[in-house]
Amino acid sequence: MQRCQPLDCDLHDFLEIACMHAYPLRVELVDGSEFQAQALTTRTTPSKEEFLQLRGTDGEREVRLDQLLAITPLSARALFGRVELGNRVCAVAP
């Protein structure tokens, strides 16, 4: 995998909100795959790689933040809609 590209700080807020509220998410990856899972937390390794930790029907998994294309909360009470993360530009749908 290539060197980790940091995610814009403003976009971290959406990930933190999703984790704080344990939102179920539709997660879209830059490779075109997608899955549904519950947001748990984020973590940063000593080498500065950043990950989103999730729990799905097949257990827990981590996704490196620069591999995220978009997240969409599946909760009707979510505080935000689809957030595109892939191009490091905040494009939030209501």
Protein backbone atom coordinates (compact mmCIF):
# COMPACT_ATOMS: atom_id res chain seq x y z
CA MET A 1 0.00 0.00 0.00
CA GLN A 2 1.25 3.50 -0.77
CA ARG A 3 2.33 6.05 1.81
CA CYS A 4 -0.59 7.30 3.90
CA GLN A 5 -2.02 10.64 2.81
CA PRO A 6 -3.44 12.64 5.74
CA LEU A 7 -7.11 13.53 5.71
CA ASP A 8 -8.10 17.19 5.99
CA CYS A 9 -8.71 18.09 9.63
CA ASP A 10 -12.21 19.41 8.91
CA LEU A 11 -13.24 15.98 7.63
CA HIS A 12 -12.07 14.31 10.85
CA ASP A 13 -15.00 15.98 12.62
CA PHE A 14 -17.49 13.86 10.66
CA LEU A 15 -15.63 10.67 11.55
CA GLU A 16 -15.49 11.65 15.22
CA ILE A 17 -19.23 12.43 15.27
CA ALA A 18 -19.98 9.09 13.60
CA CYS A 19 -17.89 7.29 16.24
CA MET A 20 -19.27 9.29 19.16
CA HIS A 21 -22.83 8.38 18.17
CA ALA A 22 -21.88 4.85 17.00
CA TYR A 23 -23.61 5.49 13.68
CA PRO A 24 -24.19 2.61 11.32
CA LEU A 25 -22.49 3.69 8.09
CA ARG A 26 -22.35 2.84 4.44
CA VAL A 27 -18.62 2.97 3.77
CA GLU A 28 -17.38 3.51 0.21
CA LEU A 29 -13.72 2.84 -0.55
CA VAL A 30 -11.54 4.34 -3.28
CA ASP A 31 -11.20 0.87 -4.88
CA GLY A 32 -14.96 0.91 -5.61
CA SER A 33 -16.01 -1.54 -2.89
CA GLU A 34 -18.48 -0.69 -0.17
CA PHE A 35 -19.91 -2.22 2.99
CA GLN A 36 -22.03 -1.38 6.02
CA ALA A 37 -20.64 -1.23 9.55
CA GLN A 38 -20.91 0.64 12.83
CA ALA A 39 -18.36 3.39 13.49
CA LEU A 40 -16.31 2.68 16.63
CA THR A 41 -13.28 4.95 16.88
CA THR A 42 -10.31 6.38 15.02
CA ARG A 43 -6.67 5.70 15.75
CA THR A 44 -3.27 6.91 14.63
CA THR A 45 -0.22 4.66 14.52
CA PRO A 46 3.26 5.81 15.61
CA SER A 47 4.11 6.12 11.89
CA LYS A 48 1.16 8.59 11.51
CA GLU A 49 -1.16 6.27 9.59
CA GLU A 50 -4.78 7.03 10.47
CA PHE A 51 -7.55 4.42 10.67
CA LEU A 52 -11.30 4.23 11.19
CA GLN A 53 -12.29 1.22 13.28
CA LEU A 54 -15.65 -0.35 12.45
CA ARG A 55 -17.79 -3.31 13.48
CA GLY A 56 -19.76 -5.18 10.84
CA THR A 57 -21.58 -8.48 10.63
CA ASP A 58 -18.25 -10.18 9.91
CA GLY A 59 -16.50 -8.64 12.95
CA GLU A 60 -14.26 -5.64 13.50
CA ARG A 61 -12.08 -4.11 10.83
CA GLU A 62 -9.96 -1.04 10.21
CA VAL A 63 -9.83 1.13 7.13
CA ARG A 64 -6.98 3.52 6.52
CA LEU A 65 -8.50 6.99 6.20
CA ASP A 66 -6.94 7.72 2.83
CA GLN A 67 -8.75 4.63 1.45
CA LEU A 68 -12.18 6.10 2.29
CA LEU A 69 -14.11 7.59 -0.61
CA ALA A 70 -17.26 8.46 1.36
CA ILE A 71 -19.29 7.65 4.45
CA THR A 72 -23.07 7.84 4.74
CA PRO A 73 -24.81 7.52 8.11
CA LEU A 74 -27.72 5.07 7.96
CA SER A 75 -29.39 6.51 11.07
CA ALA A 76 -32.45 8.71 10.55
CA ARG A 77 -31.22 10.88 13.43
CA ALA A 78 -27.75 11.45 11.99
CA LEU A 79 -26.33 14.97 12.21
CA PHE A 80 -24.98 14.85 8.65
CA GLY A 81 -25.55 13.08 5.33
CA ARG A 82 -23.08 11.57 2.87
CA VAL A 83 -19.58 12.97 3.25
CA GLU A 84 -17.07 12.56 0.43
CA LEU A 85 -13.59 12.07 1.82
CA GLY A 86 -11.68 10.69 -1.18
CA ASN A 87 -10.44 13.96 -2.65
CA ARG A 88 -9.77 15.60 0.74
CA VAL A 89 -12.43 18.19 -0.18
CA CYS A 90 -15.43 18.48 2.05
CA ALA A 91 -18.55 17.84 -0.03
CA VAL A 92 -21.40 17.19 2.38
CA ALA A 93 -24.87 16.19 1.23
CA PRO A 94 -27.81 17.18 3.46
